[in-house]
Amino acid sequence: MDDFVAHTSRWRAALIVATSLGFVAIGIWMAGLVGPVPVTRRAGLLMTEIWGWFCILFFGMCAIGGAKLWWTNAERLHISRSGIRWAGWSNQTIPWEEISDVTEWRYKGTKSIILHLRDPSRFPVEGPAVLRGLSGRANRAITGGDVSITLLGTDRKFDEAILAIATFRADR
C-alpha cells in the first residue's frame, strides 16, 4: 500500500474561514459595536456583551487559523510504514513501536483518531508552552488518549485513514 497523505482542502479551509467570520459578525452585533446590545430574558446586557467579545476573539482566531491553512495548503497527515505524522500535533513522525493503541472517538458527528502512546513525553505537541500543556491534558481528559487526529479541513476521509492505519500496523 502507498503512504496515506492528507493535504489541506482549500474549499474546506475557505468554509472554516467563512463560518468563523459569520460568528465574528454575530459577536460584533452582540457586543454592541453596531447598534444597541441585544437583550433577552435569559441574558442581560453585560452577559450578552461578554459573549459577543468571546465570539469575536475565539472565532477571529479560528478565521486566522483557517486562512493560514488555506494559504499554506500543506500536508496535514502522513501515515506510512515508519509511523504517523500529524501536523496538528508536531512535525515529528511517531513510530509504530511507540503507539500502544489506536482508537476512534466520536462526538456529535465529529470523528477523531486517538493515538495512545507508550511514552507521551517523547512526542510533545509543538507550539507555545501553555498550548502544549493544555492540549496534552485536554486530549487525555476528553478522549482517554494522547494525540487526537481529525481529518476536518483535509482532502481525505476518516475511513481511508483508519484503513491505512490498520494496514500499516498489520505490516509491522
N, C-alpha and C. Protein backbone atom coordinates (compact mmCIF):
# COMPACT_ATOMS: atom_id res chain seq x y z
N MET A 1 0.84 -1.18 0.00
CA MET A 1 0.00 0.00 0.00
C MET A 1 0.89 1.24 0.00
N ASP A 2 0.47 2.24 -0.77
CA ASP A 2 1.17 3.53 -0.79
C ASP A 2 0.90 4.28 0.51
N ASP A 3 1.79 5.22 0.82
CA ASP A 3 1.59 6.05 2.00
C ASP A 3 0.26 6.79 1.89
N PHE A 4 -0.37 6.99 3.03
CA PHE A 4 -1.60 7.78 3.10
C PHE A 4 -1.19 9.22 3.41
N VAL A 5 -1.61 10.14 2.57
CA VAL A 5 -1.28 11.55 2.77
C VAL A 5 -2.56 12.37 2.63
N ALA A 6 -2.82 13.19 3.64
CA ALA A 6 -3.97 14.10 3.61
C ALA A 6 -3.44 15.53 3.60
N HIS A 7 -3.85 16.29 2.61
CA HIS A 7 -3.46 17.70 2.49
C HIS A 7 -4.64 18.58 2.92
N THR A 8 -4.35 19.84 3.09
CA THR A 8 -5.39 20.81 3.37
C THR A 8 -6.35 20.86 2.19
N SER A 9 -7.63 20.85 2.48
CA SER A 9 -8.64 21.04 1.44
C SER A 9 -8.95 22.53 1.39
N ARG A 10 -8.65 23.14 0.26
CA ARG A 10 -8.83 24.60 0.16
C ARG A 10 -10.29 25.01 0.34
N TRP A 11 -11.22 24.24 -0.24
CA TRP A 11 -12.61 24.66 -0.10
C TRP A 11 -13.09 24.46 1.33
N ARG A 12 -12.61 23.44 2.04
CA ARG A 12 -12.99 23.26 3.44
C ARG A 12 -12.36 24.34 4.32
N ALA A 13 -11.13 24.70 4.02
CA ALA A 13 -10.49 25.80 4.76
C ALA A 13 -11.25 27.10 4.53
N ALA A 14 -11.68 27.33 3.29
CA ALA A 14 -12.46 28.53 2.98
C ALA A 14 -13.80 28.50 3.73
N LEU A 15 -14.41 27.33 3.85
CA LEU A 15 -15.66 27.20 4.59
C LEU A 15 -15.45 27.50 6.08
N ILE A 16 -14.32 27.05 6.63
CA ILE A 16 -13.99 27.35 8.02
C ILE A 16 -13.84 28.86 8.20
N VAL A 17 -13.17 29.52 7.28
CA VAL A 17 -12.98 30.97 7.35
C VAL A 17 -14.32 31.68 7.26
N ALA A 18 -15.14 31.30 6.30
CA ALA A 18 -16.44 31.96 6.10
C ALA A 18 -17.35 31.78 7.32
N THR A 19 -17.40 30.57 7.85
CA THR A 19 -18.23 30.30 9.03
C THR A 19 -17.72 31.10 10.23
N SER A 20 -16.41 31.11 10.42
CA SER A 20 -15.82 31.86 11.53
C SER A 20 -16.12 33.34 11.42
N LEU A 21 -16.01 33.89 10.21
CA LEU A 21 -16.30 35.31 10.02
C LEU A 21 -17.78 35.61 10.28
N GLY A 22 -18.64 34.67 9.97
CA GLY A 22 -20.06 34.83 10.29
C GLY A 22 -20.27 34.94 11.79
N PHE A 23 -19.57 34.10 12.56
CA PHE A 23 -19.69 34.17 14.01
C PHE A 23 -19.04 35.44 14.57
N VAL A 24 -17.98 35.91 13.92
CA VAL A 24 -17.38 37.19 14.33
C VAL A 24 -18.42 38.30 14.14
N ALA A 25 -19.13 38.28 13.02
CA ALA A 25 -20.16 39.29 12.76
C ALA A 25 -21.26 39.23 13.83
N ILE A 26 -21.66 38.04 14.21
CA ILE A 26 -22.66 37.89 15.27
C ILE A 26 -22.10 38.44 16.58
N GLY A 27 -20.82 38.17 16.86
CA GLY A 27 -20.18 38.70 18.06
C GLY A 27 -20.15 40.21 18.07
N ILE A 28 -19.88 40.80 16.92
CA ILE A 28 -19.86 42.26 16.81
C ILE A 28 -21.24 42.82 17.14
N TRP A 29 -22.27 42.18 16.63
CA TRP A 29 -23.65 42.60 16.93
C TRP A 29 -23.96 42.44 18.42
N MET A 30 -23.56 41.28 18.98
CA MET A 30 -23.85 41.03 20.40
C MET A 30 -23.07 41.97 21.32
N ALA A 31 -21.87 42.35 20.93
CA ALA A 31 -21.05 43.24 21.75
C ALA A 31 -21.52 44.69 21.66
N GLY A 32 -22.44 44.97 20.76
CA GLY A 32 -22.97 46.32 20.65
C GLY A 32 -22.12 47.26 19.83
N LEU A 33 -21.25 46.70 19.00
CA LEU A 33 -20.38 47.55 18.19
C LEU A 33 -21.10 48.14 16.99
N VAL A 34 -22.25 47.59 16.63
CA VAL A 34 -23.08 48.12 15.54
C VAL A 34 -24.52 48.22 16.05
N GLY A 35 -24.78 49.21 16.82
CA GLY A 35 -26.12 49.39 17.37
C GLY A 35 -26.19 48.95 18.82
N PRO A 36 -27.38 48.99 19.39
CA PRO A 36 -27.52 48.63 20.80
C PRO A 36 -27.32 47.13 21.03
N VAL A 37 -26.87 46.80 22.24
CA VAL A 37 -26.66 45.40 22.62
C VAL A 37 -28.01 44.72 22.72
N PRO A 38 -28.20 43.57 22.04
CA PRO A 38 -29.48 42.87 22.16
C PRO A 38 -29.62 42.26 23.56
N VAL A 39 -30.77 42.43 24.15
CA VAL A 39 -31.02 41.91 25.49
C VAL A 39 -32.22 40.97 25.44
N THR A 40 -32.08 39.82 26.11
CA THR A 40 -33.19 38.86 26.19
C THR A 40 -33.48 38.59 27.66
N ARG A 41 -34.53 37.81 27.92
CA ARG A 41 -34.86 37.45 29.29
C ARG A 41 -33.77 36.56 29.88
N ARG A 42 -33.13 35.77 29.05
CA ARG A 42 -32.12 34.81 29.53
C ARG A 42 -30.76 35.45 29.79
N ALA A 43 -30.43 36.46 29.03
CA ALA A 43 -29.10 37.07 29.17
C ALA A 43 -29.24 38.58 29.25
N GLY A 44 -28.68 39.14 30.28
CA GLY A 44 -28.71 40.58 30.43
C GLY A 44 -27.70 41.27 29.54
N LEU A 45 -27.63 42.56 29.68
CA LEU A 45 -26.76 43.39 28.86
C LEU A 45 -25.29 42.98 28.98
N LEU A 46 -24.79 42.85 30.19
CA LEU A 46 -23.38 42.53 30.40
C LEU A 46 -23.02 41.14 29.85
N MET A 47 -23.86 40.15 30.12
CA MET A 47 -23.58 38.78 29.66
C MET A 47 -23.59 38.71 28.13
N THR A 48 -24.51 39.39 27.51
CA THR A 48 -24.55 39.40 26.04
C THR A 48 -23.29 40.04 25.47
N GLU A 49 -22.84 41.14 26.10
CA GLU A 49 -21.60 41.78 25.65
C GLU A 49 -20.40 40.87 25.82
N ILE A 50 -20.34 40.18 26.95
CA ILE A 50 -19.22 39.26 27.20
C ILE A 50 -19.20 38.16 26.16
N TRP A 51 -20.36 37.57 25.87
CA TRP A 51 -20.42 36.51 24.85
C TRP A 51 -20.07 37.06 23.47
N GLY A 52 -20.46 38.29 23.22
CA GLY A 52 -20.12 38.92 21.95
C GLY A 52 -18.61 39.04 21.78
N TRP A 53 -17.94 39.53 22.81
CA TRP A 53 -16.48 39.66 22.74
C TRP A 53 -15.80 38.29 22.66
N PHE A 54 -16.36 37.31 23.36
CA PHE A 54 -15.82 35.95 23.27
C PHE A 54 -15.91 35.45 21.83
N CYS A 55 -17.06 35.65 21.20
CA CYS A 55 -17.23 35.23 19.79
C CYS A 55 -16.25 35.95 18.88
N ILE A 56 -16.07 37.23 19.09
CA ILE A 56 -15.14 37.99 18.26
C ILE A 56 -13.73 37.41 18.39
N LEU A 57 -13.28 37.21 19.61
CA LEU A 57 -11.91 36.73 19.83
C LEU A 57 -11.73 35.28 19.38
N PHE A 58 -12.60 34.38 19.84
CA PHE A 58 -12.44 32.96 19.53
C PHE A 58 -12.58 32.69 18.04
N PHE A 59 -13.67 33.16 17.45
CA PHE A 59 -13.89 32.87 16.04
C PHE A 59 -12.98 33.69 15.13
N GLY A 60 -12.49 34.83 15.64
CA GLY A 60 -11.47 35.56 14.90
C GLY A 60 -10.20 34.74 14.78
N MET A 61 -9.82 34.09 15.89
CA MET A 61 -8.64 33.20 15.87
C MET A 61 -8.89 32.01 14.93
N CYS A 62 -10.11 31.47 14.95
CA CYS A 62 -10.43 30.37 14.05
C CYS A 62 -10.33 30.80 12.59
N ALA A 63 -10.78 32.01 12.29
CA ALA A 63 -10.69 32.52 10.92
C ALA A 63 -9.23 32.69 10.50
N ILE A 64 -8.41 33.18 11.41
CA ILE A 64 -6.97 33.33 11.11
C ILE A 64 -6.34 31.97 10.86
N GLY A 65 -6.67 31.00 11.72
CA GLY A 65 -6.15 29.64 11.54
C GLY A 65 -6.61 29.02 10.23
N GLY A 66 -7.88 29.21 9.88
CA GLY A 66 -8.39 28.69 8.61
C GLY A 66 -7.73 29.35 7.42
N ALA A 67 -7.50 30.66 7.51
CA ALA A 67 -6.82 31.37 6.42
C ALA A 67 -5.39 30.88 6.27
N LYS A 68 -4.74 30.63 7.40
CA LYS A 68 -3.37 30.11 7.35
C LYS A 68 -3.35 28.74 6.67
N LEU A 69 -4.31 27.88 7.01
CA LEU A 69 -4.41 26.57 6.35
C LEU A 69 -4.63 26.74 4.85
N TRP A 70 -5.51 27.66 4.47
CA TRP A 70 -5.82 27.86 3.07
C TRP A 70 -4.59 28.30 2.30
N TRP A 71 -3.82 29.21 2.85
CA TRP A 71 -2.65 29.73 2.15
C TRP A 71 -1.52 28.73 2.08
N THR A 72 -1.30 27.97 3.15
CA THR A 72 -0.17 27.04 3.15
C THR A 72 -0.47 25.80 2.33
N ASN A 73 -1.72 25.32 2.35
CA ASN A 73 -2.12 24.15 1.58
C ASN A 73 -1.11 23.01 1.72
N ALA A 74 -0.76 22.69 2.94
CA ALA A 74 0.31 21.74 3.22
C ALA A 74 -0.21 20.34 3.54
N GLU A 75 0.74 19.43 3.69
CA GLU A 75 0.44 18.07 4.12
C GLU A 75 0.05 18.12 5.59
N ARG A 76 -1.10 17.57 5.94
CA ARG A 76 -1.59 17.60 7.32
C ARG A 76 -1.35 16.28 8.05
N LEU A 77 -1.58 15.17 7.35
CA LEU A 77 -1.45 13.84 7.95
C LEU A 77 -0.71 12.93 7.00
N HIS A 78 0.28 12.20 7.55
CA HIS A 78 1.05 11.25 6.75
C HIS A 78 1.13 9.94 7.53
N ILE A 79 0.60 8.88 6.94
CA ILE A 79 0.62 7.56 7.55
C ILE A 79 1.44 6.66 6.63
N SER A 80 2.48 6.04 7.19
CA SER A 80 3.37 5.21 6.38
C SER A 80 3.88 4.03 7.20
N ARG A 81 4.78 3.26 6.60
CA ARG A 81 5.39 2.13 7.30
C ARG A 81 6.18 2.57 8.53
N SER A 82 6.69 3.80 8.49
CA SER A 82 7.50 4.27 9.61
C SER A 82 6.66 4.82 10.77
N GLY A 83 5.41 5.20 10.52
CA GLY A 83 4.56 5.70 11.59
C GLY A 83 3.58 6.76 11.11
N ILE A 84 3.19 7.63 12.04
CA ILE A 84 2.20 8.67 11.76
C ILE A 84 2.78 10.03 12.08
N ARG A 85 2.60 10.97 11.15
CA ARG A 85 2.96 12.36 11.40
C ARG A 85 1.70 13.19 11.20
N TRP A 86 1.30 13.89 12.25
CA TRP A 86 0.11 14.74 12.23
C TRP A 86 0.55 16.18 12.46
N ALA A 87 0.43 17.01 11.43
CA ALA A 87 0.91 18.39 11.50
C ALA A 87 0.20 19.20 12.58
N GLY A 88 -1.01 18.79 12.96
CA GLY A 88 -1.73 19.48 14.02
C GLY A 88 -1.12 19.23 15.38
N TRP A 89 -0.22 18.26 15.47
CA TRP A 89 0.44 17.94 16.74
C TRP A 89 1.91 18.38 16.71
N SER A 90 2.65 17.84 15.73
CA SER A 90 4.05 18.22 15.58
C SER A 90 4.55 17.80 14.20
N ASN A 91 5.78 18.14 13.89
CA ASN A 91 6.39 17.73 12.62
C ASN A 91 7.14 16.42 12.76
N GLN A 92 7.10 15.83 13.93
CA GLN A 92 7.82 14.59 14.21
C GLN A 92 6.93 13.39 13.89
N THR A 93 7.51 12.38 13.23
CA THR A 93 6.78 11.14 12.96
C THR A 93 6.81 10.28 14.20
N ILE A 94 5.65 9.79 14.60
CA ILE A 94 5.56 8.89 15.76
C ILE A 94 5.67 7.47 15.22
N PRO A 95 6.73 6.74 15.57
CA PRO A 95 6.90 5.39 15.05
C PRO A 95 5.84 4.44 15.61
N TRP A 96 5.53 3.40 14.84
CA TRP A 96 4.52 2.43 15.26
C TRP A 96 4.87 1.78 16.59
N GLU A 97 6.15 1.60 16.85
CA GLU A 97 6.57 0.96 18.10
C GLU A 97 6.19 1.79 19.32
N GLU A 98 6.03 3.08 19.13
CA GLU A 98 5.68 3.98 20.23
C GLU A 98 4.17 4.16 20.41
N ILE A 99 3.39 3.59 19.50
CA ILE A 99 1.93 3.69 19.58
C ILE A 99 1.40 2.39 20.16
N SER A 100 0.86 2.46 21.38
CA SER A 100 0.38 1.25 22.04
C SER A 100 -1.02 0.86 21.57
N ASP A 101 -1.82 1.85 21.18
CA ASP A 101 -3.18 1.56 20.73
C ASP A 101 -3.68 2.71 19.87
N VAL A 102 -4.62 2.40 18.98
CA VAL A 102 -5.28 3.40 18.16
C VAL A 102 -6.78 3.18 18.32
N THR A 103 -7.49 4.21 18.75
CA THR A 103 -8.93 4.09 18.93
C THR A 103 -9.63 5.21 18.17
N GLU A 104 -10.94 5.12 18.11
CA GLU A 104 -11.75 6.16 17.49
C GLU A 104 -12.55 6.85 18.58
N TRP A 105 -12.77 8.14 18.41
CA TRP A 105 -13.58 8.91 19.33
C TRP A 105 -14.56 9.71 18.51
N ARG A 106 -15.82 9.66 18.89
CA ARG A 106 -16.86 10.36 18.15
C ARG A 106 -17.66 11.24 19.09
N TYR A 107 -17.95 12.43 18.61
CA TYR A 107 -18.77 13.34 19.38
C TYR A 107 -19.58 14.20 18.43
N LYS A 108 -20.88 14.07 18.49
CA LYS A 108 -21.81 14.86 17.67
C LYS A 108 -21.41 14.89 16.20
N GLY A 109 -21.14 13.74 15.65
CA GLY A 109 -20.83 13.63 14.23
C GLY A 109 -19.37 13.89 13.86
N THR A 110 -18.57 14.34 14.81
CA THR A 110 -17.16 14.55 14.54
C THR A 110 -16.39 13.32 14.97
N LYS A 111 -15.56 12.81 14.06
CA LYS A 111 -14.76 11.62 14.34
C LYS A 111 -13.30 11.99 14.48
N SER A 112 -12.64 11.37 15.45
CA SER A 112 -11.21 11.59 15.64
C SER A 112 -10.51 10.26 15.81
N ILE A 113 -9.28 10.21 15.35
CA ILE A 113 -8.40 9.06 15.57
C ILE A 113 -7.58 9.40 16.80
N ILE A 114 -7.56 8.50 17.77
CA ILE A 114 -6.85 8.75 19.02
C ILE A 114 -5.66 7.81 19.12
N LEU A 115 -4.48 8.39 19.26
CA LEU A 115 -3.26 7.60 19.43
C LEU A 115 -2.94 7.53 20.92
N HIS A 116 -2.70 6.33 21.39
CA HIS A 116 -2.27 6.10 22.77
C HIS A 116 -0.78 5.76 22.69
N LEU A 117 0.03 6.61 23.30
CA LEU A 117 1.48 6.47 23.20
C LEU A 117 2.06 5.77 24.42
N ARG A 118 3.14 5.03 24.19
CA ARG A 118 3.84 4.36 25.29
C ARG A 118 4.47 5.39 26.22
N ASP A 119 5.09 6.42 25.64
CA ASP A 119 5.72 7.48 26.43
C ASP A 119 5.37 8.83 25.80
N PRO A 120 4.24 9.43 26.21
CA PRO A 120 3.81 10.69 25.60
C PRO A 120 4.82 11.82 25.72
N SER A 121 5.69 11.78 26.72
CA SER A 121 6.66 12.86 26.89
C SER A 121 7.69 12.90 25.76
N ARG A 122 7.84 11.80 25.03
CA ARG A 122 8.80 11.77 23.91
C ARG A 122 8.26 12.46 22.66
N PHE A 123 6.93 12.70 22.63
CA PHE A 123 6.30 13.29 21.45
C PHE A 123 5.38 14.43 21.88
N PRO A 124 5.96 15.51 22.41
CA PRO A 124 5.12 16.63 22.87
C PRO A 124 4.54 17.41 21.70
N VAL A 125 3.40 18.02 21.95
CA VAL A 125 2.80 18.89 20.94
C VAL A 125 3.70 20.10 20.76
N GLU A 126 3.84 20.56 19.52
CA GLU A 126 4.68 21.73 19.24
C GLU A 126 3.84 22.99 19.30
N GLY A 127 4.43 24.05 19.77
CA GLY A 127 3.73 25.33 19.90
C GLY A 127 4.10 25.96 21.22
N PRO A 128 3.44 27.07 21.55
CA PRO A 128 3.72 27.72 22.83
C PRO A 128 3.51 26.77 24.01
N ALA A 129 4.29 26.94 25.05
CA ALA A 129 4.27 26.03 26.21
C ALA A 129 2.88 25.90 26.82
N VAL A 130 2.15 26.98 26.91
CA VAL A 130 0.81 26.93 27.51
C VAL A 130 -0.10 26.03 26.68
N LEU A 131 -0.06 26.20 25.36
CA LEU A 131 -0.89 25.38 24.50
C LEU A 131 -0.49 23.91 24.56
N ARG A 132 0.81 23.65 24.65
CA ARG A 132 1.29 22.26 24.74
C ARG A 132 0.70 21.59 25.98
N GLY A 133 0.78 22.25 27.10
CA GLY A 133 0.27 21.67 28.33
C GLY A 133 -1.23 21.46 28.30
N LEU A 134 -1.96 22.46 27.82
CA LEU A 134 -3.41 22.35 27.76
C LEU A 134 -3.85 21.28 26.78
N SER A 135 -3.19 21.21 25.64
CA SER A 135 -3.58 20.25 24.61
C SER A 135 -3.39 18.81 25.09
N GLY A 136 -2.25 18.52 25.69
CA GLY A 136 -1.99 17.17 26.17
C GLY A 136 -2.96 16.75 27.25
N ARG A 137 -3.21 17.62 28.22
CA ARG A 137 -4.15 17.29 29.30
C ARG A 137 -5.57 17.16 28.77
N ALA A 138 -5.95 18.04 27.87
CA ALA A 138 -7.30 18.01 27.31
C ALA A 138 -7.53 16.71 26.53
N ASN A 139 -6.55 16.30 25.73
CA ASN A 139 -6.69 15.05 24.98
C ASN A 139 -6.91 13.87 25.91
N ARG A 140 -6.11 13.77 26.96
CA ARG A 140 -6.26 12.65 27.91
C ARG A 140 -7.58 12.71 28.65
N ALA A 141 -7.99 13.90 29.06
CA ALA A 141 -9.23 14.03 29.82
C ALA A 141 -10.47 13.74 28.98
N ILE A 142 -10.49 14.21 27.76
CA ILE A 142 -11.68 14.07 26.92
C ILE A 142 -11.73 12.74 26.19
N THR A 143 -10.62 12.33 25.60
CA THR A 143 -10.64 11.14 24.74
C THR A 143 -9.99 9.92 25.36
N GLY A 144 -9.20 10.11 26.41
CA GLY A 144 -8.51 8.98 27.03
C GLY A 144 -7.20 8.64 26.33
N GLY A 145 -6.85 9.37 25.28
CA GLY A 145 -5.62 9.10 24.55
C GLY A 145 -4.68 10.29 24.61
N ASP A 146 -3.59 10.20 23.85
CA ASP A 146 -2.56 11.23 23.90
C ASP A 146 -2.58 12.19 22.72
N VAL A 147 -2.84 11.69 21.52
CA VAL A 147 -2.85 12.52 20.31
C VAL A 147 -4.18 12.34 19.62
N SER A 148 -4.85 13.43 19.35
CA SER A 148 -6.16 13.40 18.68
C SER A 148 -5.98 13.91 17.25
N ILE A 149 -6.38 13.09 16.28
CA ILE A 149 -6.23 13.43 14.86
C ILE A 149 -7.61 13.55 14.24
N THR A 150 -7.87 14.68 13.62
CA THR A 150 -9.12 14.86 12.90
C THR A 150 -8.81 15.15 11.43
N LEU A 151 -9.67 14.73 10.57
CA LEU A 151 -9.46 14.99 9.15
C LEU A 151 -10.32 16.16 8.65
N LEU A 152 -10.93 16.90 9.58
CA LEU A 152 -11.67 18.10 9.20
C LEU A 152 -10.72 19.07 8.51
N GLY A 153 -11.15 19.61 7.41
CA GLY A 153 -10.31 20.57 6.68
C GLY A 153 -9.28 19.94 5.78
N THR A 154 -9.34 18.60 5.61
CA THR A 154 -8.39 17.94 4.71
C THR A 154 -9.12 17.38 3.49
N ASP A 155 -8.33 16.87 2.55
CA ASP A 155 -8.90 16.32 1.32
C ASP A 155 -9.12 14.81 1.37
N ARG A 156 -8.98 14.21 2.54
CA ARG A 156 -9.18 12.76 2.66
C ARG A 156 -10.27 12.47 3.68
N LYS A 157 -10.71 11.21 3.71
CA LYS A 157 -11.80 10.81 4.58
C LYS A 157 -11.30 10.01 5.78
N PHE A 158 -12.08 10.05 6.84
CA PHE A 158 -11.77 9.37 8.09
C PHE A 158 -11.57 7.87 7.87
N ASP A 159 -12.49 7.23 7.15
CA ASP A 159 -12.42 5.79 6.93
C ASP A 159 -11.17 5.39 6.15
N GLU A 160 -10.73 6.24 5.23
CA GLU A 160 -9.50 5.96 4.49
C GLU A 160 -8.29 5.96 5.42
N ALA A 161 -8.27 6.89 6.36
CA ALA A 161 -7.17 6.96 7.33
C ALA A 161 -7.18 5.74 8.25
N ILE A 162 -8.35 5.33 8.70
CA ILE A 162 -8.46 4.15 9.57
C ILE A 162 -7.97 2.91 8.83
N LEU A 163 -8.33 2.77 7.56
CA LEU A 163 -7.87 1.64 6.76
C LEU A 163 -6.35 1.66 6.60
N ALA A 164 -5.77 2.83 6.36
CA ALA A 164 -4.32 2.95 6.22
C ALA A 164 -3.62 2.57 7.53
N ILE A 165 -4.16 3.03 8.66
CA ILE A 165 -3.58 2.69 9.95
C ILE A 165 -3.63 1.18 10.17
N ALA A 166 -4.78 0.58 9.91
CA ALA A 166 -4.91 -0.87 10.09
C ALA A 166 -3.94 -1.63 9.19
N THR A 167 -3.79 -1.18 7.97
CA THR A 167 -2.88 -1.85 7.03
C THR A 167 -1.42 -1.73 7.47
N PHE A 168 -0.98 -0.53 7.80
CA PHE A 168 0.41 -0.34 8.20
C PHE A 168 0.73 -0.95 9.55
N ARG A 169 -0.23 -0.97 10.46
CA ARG A 169 0.02 -1.60 11.77
C ARG A 169 0.13 -3.12 11.62
N ALA A 170 -0.65 -3.67 10.69
CA ALA A 170 -0.60 -5.12 10.46
C ALA A 170 0.70 -5.54 9.80
N ASP A 171 1.30 -4.64 9.01
CA ASP A 171 2.54 -4.94 8.28
C ASP A 171 3.77 -5.00 9.19
N ARG A 172 3.71 -4.38 10.32
CA ARG A 172 4.93 -4.30 11.15
C ARG A 172 5.15 -5.53 11.98
